[in-house]
Amino acid sequence: MRILVTGATGLIGRSLCRSLAGDGHSIIALSRSADKPGQALLEAHQWDPQTGPPPEAAMKGVDTVINLAGEPLDAKRWSDEQKKVIRDSRVVTTRNLVAGLRSMDARPGVLVSASAVGFYGNRGDEQLEEGSPPGRGFMCDVCREWEEEAERARESDIRVVQVRTGVVLSAEGGALRKMLTPFKLGLGGRLGDGKQWFPWIHIEDIVGIFRHAIFTSSLAGPLNGAAPEAVTNSEFTRELARAVHRPAFMPVPETALRVLMGEMSDVLLAGQRIVPAVALASGYEFRHPSLAPALADLMKDEG
């Protein structure tokens, strides 16, 4: 199978491409720099996703498309300009990608496009399944528009799945890697009051969810990418401290977070109690459904 991937060098993209290439699939990466993608990639094509569709040469013979592109939320403080970058890197990129797919004579069978649990906003203790309505706020609006642009591919008889990803835990980078240093120094602690739900997922399972979306022909529409064991921020903090054998007694007050991070702190203080209902109902079996063993697996090489 020929699989076209945007965001192939990101945290999810690297692991997913390794997994798919290991099964013998051909990976074609789209990148702003044709030299950036490396291991496990058969081809790399340069593409500026803000200016138009991908090059025809990249899309030729493609069976599946995976869209993972998006500016990291923590790349910079959220000025109005940076919020536009965050939105456009998802919404405009997906719009131009779908325009390219729709112009093909032989179109791929499926588009699996990333989204995020930010779609739901801050919902307290409400259990959120894929049919739950969107919330209100900047990230809710971005995720809703992002998914709407991907959904347009259905007009060309392309099956579309939008994976609403939670916080991906990986030893290779991302949120966990950033948290490890303060926690190892005994400086970790809950954020705000710690009561907000923390929708996490092990890197192996988010790769598994994307693969499940590709190869399960009955799947279409939103798919929650979070582990079935829901935990609060306080519970996550406690388990991470145990995993690194350190105390966690340095809570970060909400006011301090807002001063340090501005509007981006809303992402950390919002809670979503995610239920991966569609994944479970369609037969996906989580390799790491519970937090403590998942963290133990990720920490096994930390020493």
C-alpha atoms as a PDB file:
ATOM      1  CA  MET A   1       0.000   0.000   0.000  1.00  0.00           C
ATOM      2  CA  ARG A   2       1.202   3.541  -0.806  1.00  0.00           C
ATOM      3  CA  ILE A   3       0.496   5.838   2.129  1.00  0.00           C
ATOM      4  CA  LEU A   4       0.831   9.630   1.926  1.00  0.00           C
ATOM      5  CA  VAL A   5       1.607  11.298   5.264  1.00  0.00           C
ATOM      6  CA  THR A   6       1.668  14.937   6.378  1.00  0.00           C
ATOM      7  CA  GLY A   7       3.385  15.606   9.705  1.00  0.00           C
ATOM      8  CA  ALA A   8       5.537  12.503   9.278  1.00  0.00           C
ATOM      9  CA  THR A   9       8.349  13.916  11.441  1.00  0.00           C
ATOM     10  CA  GLY A  10       6.145  14.714  14.435  1.00  0.00           C
ATOM     11  CA  LEU A  11       5.788  12.580  17.562  1.00  0.00           C
ATOM     12  CA  ILE A  12       2.916  10.472  16.223  1.00  0.00           C
ATOM     13  CA  GLY A  13       4.152  10.594  12.637  1.00  0.00           C
ATOM     14  CA  ARG A  14       7.567   9.095  13.386  1.00  0.00           C
ATOM     15  CA  SER A  15       6.145   6.114  15.258  1.00  0.00           C
ATOM     16  CA  LEU A  16       3.289   5.554  12.833  1.00  0.00           C
ATOM     17  CA  CYS A  17       5.565   5.658   9.786  1.00  0.00           C
ATOM     18  CA  ARG A  18       7.962   3.178  11.410  1.00  0.00           C
ATOM     19  CA  SER A  19       5.083   0.840  12.171  1.00  0.00           C
ATOM     20  CA  LEU A  20       3.589   1.003   8.673  1.00  0.00           C
ATOM     21  CA  ALA A  21       6.938   0.778   6.895  1.00  0.00           C
ATOM     22  CA  GLY A  22       7.805  -2.220   9.070  1.00  0.00           C
ATOM     23  CA  ASP A  23       4.800  -3.983   7.587  1.00  0.00           C
ATOM     24  CA  GLY A  24       6.065  -3.328   4.073  1.00  0.00           C
ATOM     25  CA  HIS A  25       3.941  -0.295   3.181  1.00  0.00           C
ATOM     26  CA  SER A  26       5.466   2.509   1.124  1.00  0.00           C
ATOM     27  CA  ILE A  27       5.480   5.859   2.910  1.00  0.00           C
ATOM     28  CA  ILE A  28       5.393   9.148   1.006  1.00  0.00           C
ATOM     29  CA  ALA A  29       6.051  12.164   3.221  1.00  0.00           C
ATOM     30  CA  LEU A  30       4.956  15.725   2.513  1.00  0.00           C
ATOM     31  CA  SER A  31       7.147  18.335   4.170  1.00  0.00           C
ATOM     32  CA  ARG A  32       8.019  22.004   3.838  1.00  0.00           C
ATOM     33  CA  SER A  33      11.585  20.776   3.366  1.00  0.00           C
ATOM     34  CA  ALA A  34      12.171  17.811   1.077  1.00  0.00           C
ATOM     35  CA  ASP A  35      15.325  16.964   3.062  1.00  0.00           C
ATOM     36  CA  LYS A  36      13.672  16.836   6.490  1.00  0.00           C
ATOM     37  CA  PRO A  37      12.011  13.390   6.517  1.00  0.00           C
ATOM     38  CA  GLY A  38      14.406  10.502   7.083  1.00  0.00           C
ATOM     39  CA  GLN A  39      14.171   6.929   8.267  1.00  0.00           C
ATOM     40  CA  ALA A  40      11.413   4.617   7.100  1.00  0.00           C
ATOM     41  CA  LEU A  41      10.368   6.937   4.286  1.00  0.00           C
ATOM     42  CA  LEU A  42      10.379   5.789   0.692  1.00  0.00           C
ATOM     43  CA  GLU A  43       9.808   9.250  -0.756  1.00  0.00           C
ATOM     44  CA  ALA A  44       9.760  12.847   0.431  1.00  0.00           C
ATOM     45  CA  HIS A  45       8.096  15.663  -1.469  1.00  0.00           C
ATOM     46  CA  GLN A  46       8.309  19.355  -0.709  1.00  0.00           C
ATOM     47  CA  TRP A  47       5.004  21.125  -0.112  1.00  0.00           C
ATOM     48  CA  ASP A  48       4.010  24.486   1.337  1.00  0.00           C
ATOM     49  CA  PRO A  49       0.566  23.605   2.687  1.00  0.00           C
ATOM     50  CA  GLN A  50      -0.522  27.230   2.947  1.00  0.00           C
ATOM     51  CA  THR A  51      -0.212  27.983  -0.755  1.00  0.00           C
ATOM     52  CA  GLY A  52      -2.127  25.204  -2.514  1.00  0.00           C
ATOM     53  CA  PRO A  53      -2.592  21.452  -3.012  1.00  0.00           C
ATOM     54  CA  PRO A  54       0.304  18.970  -2.800  1.00  0.00           C
ATOM     55  CA  PRO A  55       2.331  18.224  -5.941  1.00  0.00           C
ATOM     56  CA  GLU A  56       0.719  15.685  -8.267  1.00  0.00           C
ATOM     57  CA  ALA A  57       3.846  13.517  -8.205  1.00  0.00           C
ATOM     58  CA  ALA A  58       3.429  12.945  -4.461  1.00  0.00           C
ATOM     59  CA  MET A  59      -0.174  11.813  -4.777  1.00  0.00           C
ATOM     60  CA  LYS A  60       0.193   9.481  -7.729  1.00  0.00           C
ATOM     61  CA  GLY A  61      -0.896   5.929  -6.891  1.00  0.00           C
ATOM     62  CA  VAL A  62      -1.656   6.714  -3.246  1.00  0.00           C
ATOM     63  CA  ASP A  63      -4.093   4.342  -1.504  1.00  0.00           C
ATOM     64  CA  THR A  64      -4.315   6.015   1.916  1.00  0.00           C
ATOM     65  CA  VAL A  65      -3.698   9.515   3.279  1.00  0.00           C
ATOM     66  CA  ILE A  66      -2.792  10.348   6.881  1.00  0.00           C
ATOM     67  CA  ASN A  67      -2.979  14.014   7.852  1.00  0.00           C
ATOM     68  CA  LEU A  68      -0.994  14.838  10.997  1.00  0.00           C
ATOM     69  CA  ALA A  69       0.182  18.364  10.167  1.00  0.00           C
ATOM     70  CA  GLY A  70      -0.207  21.137  12.738  1.00  0.00           C
ATOM     71  CA  GLU A  71       1.831  23.774  14.584  1.00  0.00           C
ATOM     72  CA  PRO A  72       2.673  22.527  18.126  1.00  0.00           C
ATOM     73  CA  LEU A  73       0.397  24.259  20.618  1.00  0.00           C
ATOM     74  CA  ASP A  74       3.310  25.054  22.920  1.00  0.00           C
ATOM     75  CA  ALA A  75       5.660  26.373  20.232  1.00  0.00           C
ATOM     76  CA  LYS A  76       5.116  30.011  21.257  1.00  0.00           C
ATOM     77  CA  ARG A  77       2.939  32.136  23.519  1.00  0.00           C
ATOM     78  CA  TRP A  78      -0.526  32.581  22.021  1.00  0.00           C
ATOM     79  CA  SER A  79      -0.515  36.017  20.460  1.00  0.00           C
ATOM     80  CA  ASP A  80      -3.185  36.754  17.856  1.00  0.00           C
ATOM     81  CA  GLU A  81      -0.564  36.031  15.206  1.00  0.00           C
ATOM     82  CA  GLN A  82       0.381  32.678  16.755  1.00  0.00           C
ATOM     83  CA  LYS A  83      -3.263  31.660  17.088  1.00  0.00           C
ATOM     84  CA  LYS A  84      -3.632  32.267  13.359  1.00  0.00           C
ATOM     85  CA  VAL A  85      -0.594  30.060  12.729  1.00  0.00           C
ATOM     86  CA  ILE A  86      -2.107  27.293  14.911  1.00  0.00           C
ATOM     87  CA  ARG A  87      -5.424  27.492  13.074  1.00  0.00           C
ATOM     88  CA  ASP A  88      -4.043  27.797   9.536  1.00  0.00           C
ATOM     89  CA  SER A  89      -1.529  24.974  10.033  1.00  0.00           C
ATOM     90  CA  ARG A  90      -4.513  22.697  10.635  1.00  0.00           C
ATOM     91  CA  VAL A  91      -7.493  24.172   8.794  1.00  0.00           C
ATOM     92  CA  VAL A  92      -5.852  25.635   5.675  1.00  0.00           C
ATOM     93  CA  THR A  93      -3.445  22.701   5.375  1.00  0.00           C
ATOM     94  CA  THR A  94      -6.328  20.223   5.465  1.00  0.00           C
ATOM     95  CA  ARG A  95      -8.354  22.327   3.014  1.00  0.00           C
ATOM     96  CA  ASN A  96      -5.501  22.333   0.489  1.00  0.00           C
ATOM     97  CA  LEU A  97      -4.771  18.647   1.032  1.00  0.00           C
ATOM     98  CA  VAL A  98      -8.403  17.704   0.368  1.00  0.00           C
ATOM     99  CA  ALA A  99      -8.487  19.948  -2.704  1.00  0.00           C
ATOM    100  CA  GLY A 100      -5.561  17.949  -4.054  1.00  0.00           C
ATOM    101  CA  LEU A 101      -7.250  14.626  -3.305  1.00  0.00           C
ATOM    102  CA  ARG A 102     -10.467  15.699  -4.971  1.00  0.00           C
ATOM    103  CA  SER A 103      -8.603  16.639  -8.150  1.00  0.00           C
ATOM    104  CA  MET A 104      -7.100  13.150  -8.561  1.00  0.00           C
ATOM    105  CA  ASP A 105      -8.405  10.799 -11.228  1.00  0.00           C
ATOM    106  CA  ALA A 106      -7.769   7.736  -9.034  1.00  0.00           C
ATOM    107  CA  ARG A 107      -8.472   8.840  -5.481  1.00  0.00           C
ATOM    108  CA  PRO A 108      -7.312   7.131  -2.277  1.00  0.00           C
ATOM    109  CA  GLY A 109      -9.812   5.034  -0.382  1.00  0.00           C
ATOM    110  CA  VAL A 110      -9.392   6.683   2.998  1.00  0.00           C
ATOM    111  CA  LEU A 111      -8.244   9.909   4.647  1.00  0.00           C
ATOM    112  CA  VAL A 112      -7.363   9.610   8.337  1.00  0.00           C
ATOM    113  CA  SER A 113      -7.020  13.134   9.656  1.00  0.00           C
ATOM    114  CA  ALA A 114      -5.870  14.202  13.097  1.00  0.00           C
ATOM    115  CA  SER A 115      -8.063  16.274  15.362  1.00  0.00           C
ATOM    116  CA  ALA A 116      -7.896  16.692  19.138  1.00  0.00           C
ATOM    117  CA  VAL A 117      -9.953  16.219  22.278  1.00  0.00           C
ATOM    118  CA  GLY A 118      -9.862  20.022  22.475  1.00  0.00           C
ATOM    119  CA  PHE A 119     -12.944  19.714  20.248  1.00  0.00           C
ATOM    120  CA  TYR A 120     -15.018  19.186  23.409  1.00  0.00           C
ATOM    121  CA  GLY A 121     -13.707  22.096  25.478  1.00  0.00           C
ATOM    122  CA  ASN A 122     -13.835  22.183  29.268  1.00  0.00           C
ATOM    123  CA  ARG A 123     -16.731  19.891  30.184  1.00  0.00           C
ATOM    124  CA  GLY A 124     -16.221  19.032  33.862  1.00  0.00           C
ATOM    125  CA  ASP A 125     -17.298  15.480  34.744  1.00  0.00           C
ATOM    126  CA  GLU A 126     -19.383  14.896  31.603  1.00  0.00           C
ATOM    127  CA  GLN A 127     -18.431  11.659  29.837  1.00  0.00           C
ATOM    128  CA  LEU A 128     -17.568  12.571  26.265  1.00  0.00           C
ATOM    129  CA  GLU A 129     -18.157  10.112  23.448  1.00  0.00           C
ATOM    130  CA  GLU A 130     -17.789  10.812  19.748  1.00  0.00           C
ATOM    131  CA  GLY A 131     -21.384  12.017  19.432  1.00  0.00           C
ATOM    132  CA  SER A 132     -20.969  14.691  22.106  1.00  0.00           C
ATOM    133  CA  PRO A 133     -21.299  18.255  20.758  1.00  0.00           C
ATOM    134  CA  PRO A 134     -18.328  20.633  20.452  1.00  0.00           C
ATOM    135  CA  GLY A 135     -17.470  23.040  23.220  1.00  0.00           C
ATOM    136  CA  ARG A 136     -16.807  26.755  23.026  1.00  0.00           C
ATOM    137  CA  GLY A 137     -13.482  28.536  22.741  1.00  0.00           C
ATOM    138  CA  PHE A 138     -10.507  28.901  20.447  1.00  0.00           C
ATOM    139  CA  MET A 139      -9.367  25.265  20.328  1.00  0.00           C
ATOM    140  CA  CYS A 140     -12.946  23.987  20.050  1.00  0.00           C
ATOM    141  CA  ASP A 141     -13.438  26.195  17.005  1.00  0.00           C
ATOM    142  CA  VAL A 142     -10.117  25.144  15.475  1.00  0.00           C
ATOM    143  CA  CYS A 143     -10.893  21.443  15.903  1.00  0.00           C
ATOM    144  CA  ARG A 144     -14.409  21.836  14.500  1.00  0.00           C
ATOM    145  CA  GLU A 145     -13.139  23.664  11.392  1.00  0.00           C
ATOM    146  CA  TRP A 146     -10.273  21.174  11.035  1.00  0.00           C
ATOM    147  CA  GLU A 147     -12.696  18.253  10.996  1.00  0.00           C
ATOM    148  CA  GLU A 148     -15.086  20.018   8.618  1.00  0.00           C
ATOM    149  CA  GLU A 149     -12.303  20.514   6.065  1.00  0.00           C
ATOM    150  CA  ALA A 150     -11.360  16.819   6.244  1.00  0.00           C
ATOM    151  CA  GLU A 151     -15.012  15.817   5.934  1.00  0.00           C
ATOM    152  CA  ARG A 152     -15.201  17.489   2.493  1.00  0.00           C
ATOM    153  CA  ALA A 153     -13.238  14.541   1.101  1.00  0.00           C
ATOM    154  CA  ARG A 154     -16.384  12.427   1.545  1.00  0.00           C
ATOM    155  CA  GLU A 155     -17.915  14.346  -1.367  1.00  0.00           C
ATOM    156  CA  SER A 156     -15.372  12.505  -3.552  1.00  0.00           C
ATOM    157  CA  ASP A 157     -16.255   9.085  -2.112  1.00  0.00           C
ATOM    158  CA  ILE A 158     -13.214   9.018   0.159  1.00  0.00           C
ATOM    159  CA  ARG A 159     -13.810   7.447   3.580  1.00  0.00           C
ATOM    160  CA  VAL A 160     -12.871   9.978   6.273  1.00  0.00           C
ATOM    161  CA  VAL A 161     -11.909   9.318   9.894  1.00  0.00           C
ATOM    162  CA  GLN A 162     -11.003  12.141  12.286  1.00  0.00           C
ATOM    163  CA  VAL A 163      -8.920  10.971  15.258  1.00  0.00           C
ATOM    164  CA  ARG A 164      -9.481  13.212  18.269  1.00  0.00           C
ATOM    165  CA  THR A 165      -6.156  12.730  19.979  1.00  0.00           C
ATOM    166  CA  GLY A 166      -5.554  13.092  23.699  1.00  0.00           C
ATOM    167  CA  VAL A 167      -2.202  13.763  25.407  1.00  0.00           C
ATOM    168  CA  VAL A 168       0.213  11.310  23.805  1.00  0.00           C
ATOM    169  CA  LEU A 169       2.697   9.777  26.251  1.00  0.00           C
ATOM    170  CA  SER A 170       5.996   8.757  24.676  1.00  0.00           C
ATOM    171  CA  ALA A 171       9.560   8.286  25.879  1.00  0.00           C
ATOM    172  CA  GLU A 172      10.740   9.943  22.654  1.00  0.00           C
ATOM    173  CA  GLY A 173       9.305  13.394  23.294  1.00  0.00           C
ATOM    174  CA  GLY A 174       6.088  15.342  23.693  1.00  0.00           C
ATOM    175  CA  ALA A 175       4.363  16.163  26.976  1.00  0.00           C
ATOM    176  CA  LEU A 176       5.875  13.319  29.025  1.00  0.00           C
ATOM    177  CA  ARG A 177       9.452  14.180  28.110  1.00  0.00           C
ATOM    178  CA  LYS A 178       8.863  17.816  29.132  1.00  0.00           C
ATOM    179  CA  MET A 179       7.362  16.778  32.468  1.00  0.00           C
ATOM    180  CA  LEU A 180      10.084  14.300  33.421  1.00  0.00           C
ATOM    181  CA  THR A 181      12.797  16.785  34.433  1.00  0.00           C
ATOM    182  CA  PRO A 182      10.798  18.671  37.082  1.00  0.00           C
ATOM    183  CA  PHE A 183       9.269  15.431  38.367  1.00  0.00           C
ATOM    184  CA  LYS A 184      12.681  13.766  38.663  1.00  0.00           C
ATOM    185  CA  LEU A 185      13.835  16.783  40.676  1.00  0.00           C
ATOM    186  CA  GLY A 186      10.865  16.403  43.013  1.00  0.00           C
ATOM    187  CA  LEU A 187       9.348  19.623  41.663  1.00  0.00           C
ATOM    188  CA  GLY A 188       6.311  18.106  39.958  1.00  0.00           C
ATOM    189  CA  GLY A 189       2.763  18.776  41.007  1.00  0.00           C
ATOM    190  CA  ARG A 190      -0.816  19.126  39.920  1.00  0.00           C
ATOM    191  CA  LEU A 191      -1.962  21.995  37.710  1.00  0.00           C
ATOM    192  CA  GLY A 192      -4.568  24.251  39.255  1.00  0.00           C
ATOM    193  CA  ASP A 193      -6.880  22.325  41.550  1.00  0.00           C
ATOM    194  CA  GLY A 194      -6.000  19.073  39.752  1.00  0.00           C
ATOM    195  CA  LYS A 195      -9.652  18.062  39.392  1.00  0.00           C
ATOM    196  CA  GLN A 196      -9.705  18.456  35.609  1.00  0.00           C
ATOM    197  CA  TRP A 197      -9.785  15.202  33.633  1.00  0.00           C
ATOM    198  CA  PHE A 198      -6.575  14.302  31.826  1.00  0.00           C
ATOM    199  CA  PRO A 199      -7.200  12.401  28.553  1.00  0.00           C
ATOM    200  CA  TRP A 200      -3.965  10.455  27.998  1.00  0.00           C
ATOM    201  CA  ILE A 201      -2.879   7.714  25.594  1.00  0.00           C
ATOM    202  CA  HIS A 202       0.291   5.629  25.208  1.00  0.00           C
ATOM    203  CA  ILE A 203       2.172   6.208  21.926  1.00  0.00           C
ATOM    204  CA  GLU A 204       1.688   2.556  20.948  1.00  0.00           C
ATOM    205  CA  ASP A 205      -2.072   2.929  21.272  1.00  0.00           C
ATOM    206  CA  ILE A 206      -2.383   6.158  19.307  1.00  0.00           C
ATOM    207  CA  VAL A 207      -0.390   4.441  16.554  1.00  0.00           C
ATOM    208  CA  GLY A 208      -2.750   1.494  16.954  1.00  0.00           C
ATOM    209  CA  ILE A 209      -5.800   3.760  16.736  1.00  0.00           C
ATOM    210  CA  PHE A 210      -4.569   5.330  13.493  1.00  0.00           C
ATOM    211  CA  ARG A 211      -3.830   1.889  12.060  1.00  0.00           C
ATOM    212  CA  HIS A 212      -7.280   0.716  13.184  1.00  0.00           C
ATOM    213  CA  ALA A 213      -8.818   3.688  11.345  1.00  0.00           C
ATOM    214  CA  ILE A 214      -6.893   2.855   8.164  1.00  0.00           C
ATOM    215  CA  PHE A 215      -7.649  -0.848   8.036  1.00  0.00           C
ATOM    216  CA  THR A 216     -11.206  -0.970   9.463  1.00  0.00           C
ATOM    217  CA  SER A 217     -13.378  -0.159   6.479  1.00  0.00           C
ATOM    218  CA  SER A 218     -16.526   0.271   8.563  1.00  0.00           C
ATOM    219  CA  LEU A 219     -15.083   3.248  10.456  1.00  0.00           C
ATOM    220  CA  ALA A 220     -15.943   6.798   9.421  1.00  0.00           C
ATOM    221  CA  GLY A 221     -16.299  10.067  11.287  1.00  0.00           C
ATOM    222  CA  PRO A 222     -14.809  11.007  14.668  1.00  0.00           C
ATOM    223  CA  LEU A 223     -12.764   8.527  16.701  1.00  0.00           C
ATOM    224  CA  ASN A 224     -11.596   9.380  20.218  1.00  0.00           C
ATOM    225  CA  GLY A 225      -7.892   8.701  20.668  1.00  0.00           C
ATOM    226  CA  ALA A 226      -7.629   8.399  24.454  1.00  0.00           C
ATOM    227  CA  ALA A 227      -7.165   5.494  26.855  1.00  0.00           C
ATOM    228  CA  PRO A 228     -10.273   3.932  28.432  1.00  0.00           C
ATOM    229  CA  GLU A 229      -9.030   4.563  31.988  1.00  0.00           C
ATOM    230  CA  ALA A 230      -9.957   8.172  32.748  1.00  0.00           C
ATOM    231  CA  VAL A 231      -7.820   9.988  35.330  1.00  0.00           C
ATOM    232  CA  THR A 232      -7.746  13.505  36.740  1.00  0.00           C
ATOM    233  CA  ASN A 233      -4.694  15.731  36.603  1.00  0.00           C
ATOM    234  CA  SER A 234      -4.057  15.020  40.296  1.00  0.00           C
ATOM    235  CA  GLU A 235      -4.204  11.273  39.682  1.00  0.00           C
ATOM    236  CA  PHE A 236      -1.882  11.546  36.707  1.00  0.00           C
ATOM    237  CA  THR A 237       0.551  13.635  38.767  1.00  0.00           C
ATOM    238  CA  ARG A 238       0.552  11.054  41.566  1.00  0.00           C
ATOM    239  CA  GLU A 239       1.190   8.145  39.193  1.00  0.00           C
ATOM    240  CA  LEU A 240       3.978   9.932  37.331  1.00  0.00           C
ATOM    241  CA  ALA A 241       5.677  10.805  40.643  1.00  0.00           C
ATOM    242  CA  ARG A 242       5.471   7.145  41.662  1.00  0.00           C
ATOM    243  CA  ALA A 243       6.899   6.060  38.324  1.00  0.00           C
ATOM    244  CA  VAL A 244      10.010   8.205  38.850  1.00  0.00           C
ATOM    245  CA  HIS A 245      10.148   7.480  42.621  1.00  0.00           C
ATOM    246  CA  ARG A 246       9.831  11.109  43.665  1.00  0.00           C
ATOM    247  CA  PRO A 247       7.314  13.123  45.690  1.00  0.00           C
ATOM    248  CA  ALA A 248       4.946  15.506  43.934  1.00  0.00           C
ATOM    249  CA  PHE A 249       4.243  18.410  46.256  1.00  0.00           C
ATOM    250  CA  MET A 250       4.718  21.519  44.087  1.00  0.00           C
ATOM    251  CA  PRO A 251       1.270  22.376  42.715  1.00  0.00           C
ATOM    252  CA  VAL A 252       1.140  25.137  40.120  1.00  0.00           C
ATOM    253  CA  PRO A 253      -1.692  27.565  40.975  1.00  0.00           C
ATOM    254  CA  GLU A 254      -4.087  28.536  38.191  1.00  0.00           C
ATOM    255  CA  THR A 255      -3.145  32.215  38.512  1.00  0.00           C
ATOM    256  CA  ALA A 256       0.545  31.398  38.037  1.00  0.00           C
ATOM    257  CA  LEU A 257      -0.201  29.292  34.956  1.00  0.00           C
ATOM    258  CA  ARG A 258      -2.202  32.114  33.422  1.00  0.00           C
ATOM    259  CA  VAL A 259       0.589  34.616  34.070  1.00  0.00           C
ATOM    260  CA  LEU A 260       3.254  32.293  32.651  1.00  0.00           C
ATOM    261  CA  MET A 261       1.363  30.954  29.666  1.00  0.00           C
ATOM    262  CA  GLY A 262      -1.490  33.329  28.909  1.00  0.00           C
ATOM    263  CA  GLU A 263      -4.424  31.893  26.962  1.00  0.00           C
ATOM    264  CA  MET A 264      -2.528  28.650  26.267  1.00  0.00           C
ATOM    265  CA  SER A 265      -3.055  27.758  29.946  1.00  0.00           C
ATOM    266  CA  ASP A 266      -6.707  27.063  29.052  1.00  0.00           C
ATOM    267  CA  VAL A 267      -5.539  23.844  27.366  1.00  0.00           C
ATOM    268  CA  LEU A 268      -3.895  22.638  30.588  1.00  0.00           C
ATOM    269  CA  LEU A 269      -6.712  23.706  32.896  1.00  0.00           C
ATOM    270  CA  ALA A 270      -9.556  22.388  30.754  1.00  0.00           C
ATOM    271  CA  GLY A 271     -10.724  18.846  31.384  1.00  0.00           C
ATOM    272  CA  GLN A 272     -12.245  16.271  29.071  1.00  0.00           C
ATOM    273  CA  ARG A 273     -13.462  12.938  30.417  1.00  0.00           C
ATOM    274  CA  ILE A 274     -13.014  11.056  27.165  1.00  0.00           C
ATOM    275  CA  VAL A 275     -14.570   7.675  26.413  1.00  0.00           C
ATOM    276  CA  PRO A 276     -13.097   5.884  23.339  1.00  0.00           C
ATOM    277  CA  ALA A 277     -16.504   4.437  22.552  1.00  0.00           C
ATOM    278  CA  VAL A 278     -16.085   3.979  18.795  1.00  0.00           C
ATOM    279  CA  ALA A 279     -12.665   2.354  19.083  1.00  0.00           C
ATOM    280  CA  LEU A 280     -13.898  -0.143  21.665  1.00  0.00           C
ATOM    281  CA  ALA A 281     -17.147  -0.903  19.838  1.00  0.00           C
ATOM    282  CA  SER A 282     -15.283  -1.532  16.580  1.00  0.00           C
ATOM    283  CA  GLY A 283     -12.937  -4.041  18.156  1.00  0.00           C
ATOM    284  CA  TYR A 284      -9.789  -2.074  18.980  1.00  0.00           C
ATOM    285  CA  GLU A 285      -7.938  -3.652  21.915  1.00  0.00           C
ATOM    286  CA  PHE A 286      -5.805  -1.206  23.910  1.00  0.00           C
ATOM    287  CA  ARG A 287      -2.317  -2.427  24.712  1.00  0.00           C
ATOM    288  CA  HIS A 288      -2.034   0.077  27.568  1.00  0.00           C
ATOM    289  CA  PRO A 289      -5.529   0.763  28.948  1.00  0.00           C
ATOM    290  CA  SER A 290      -4.390   1.712  32.489  1.00  0.00           C
ATOM    291  CA  LEU A 291      -2.097   4.570  33.464  1.00  0.00           C
ATOM    292  CA  ALA A 292       0.278   3.026  36.034  1.00  0.00           C
ATOM    293  CA  PRO A 293       1.416   0.120  33.813  1.00  0.00           C
ATOM    294  CA  ALA A 294       1.574   2.463  30.810  1.00  0.00           C
ATOM    295  CA  LEU A 295       3.954   4.803  32.648  1.00  0.00           C
ATOM    296  CA  ALA A 296       5.996   1.836  33.898  1.00  0.00           C
ATOM    297  CA  ASP A 297       6.400   0.691  30.303  1.00  0.00           C
ATOM    298  CA  LEU A 298       7.532   4.149  29.166  1.00  0.00           C
ATOM    299  CA  MET A 299       9.894   4.578  32.136  1.00  0.00           C
ATOM    300  CA  LYS A 300      11.559   1.157  31.884  1.00  0.00           C
ATOM    301  CA  ASP A 301      14.663   2.567  30.190  1.00  0.00           C
ATOM    302  CA  GLU A 302      14.934   5.719  32.303  1.00  0.00           C
ATOM    303  CA  GLY A 303      17.009   4.109  35.051  1.00  0.00           C
END
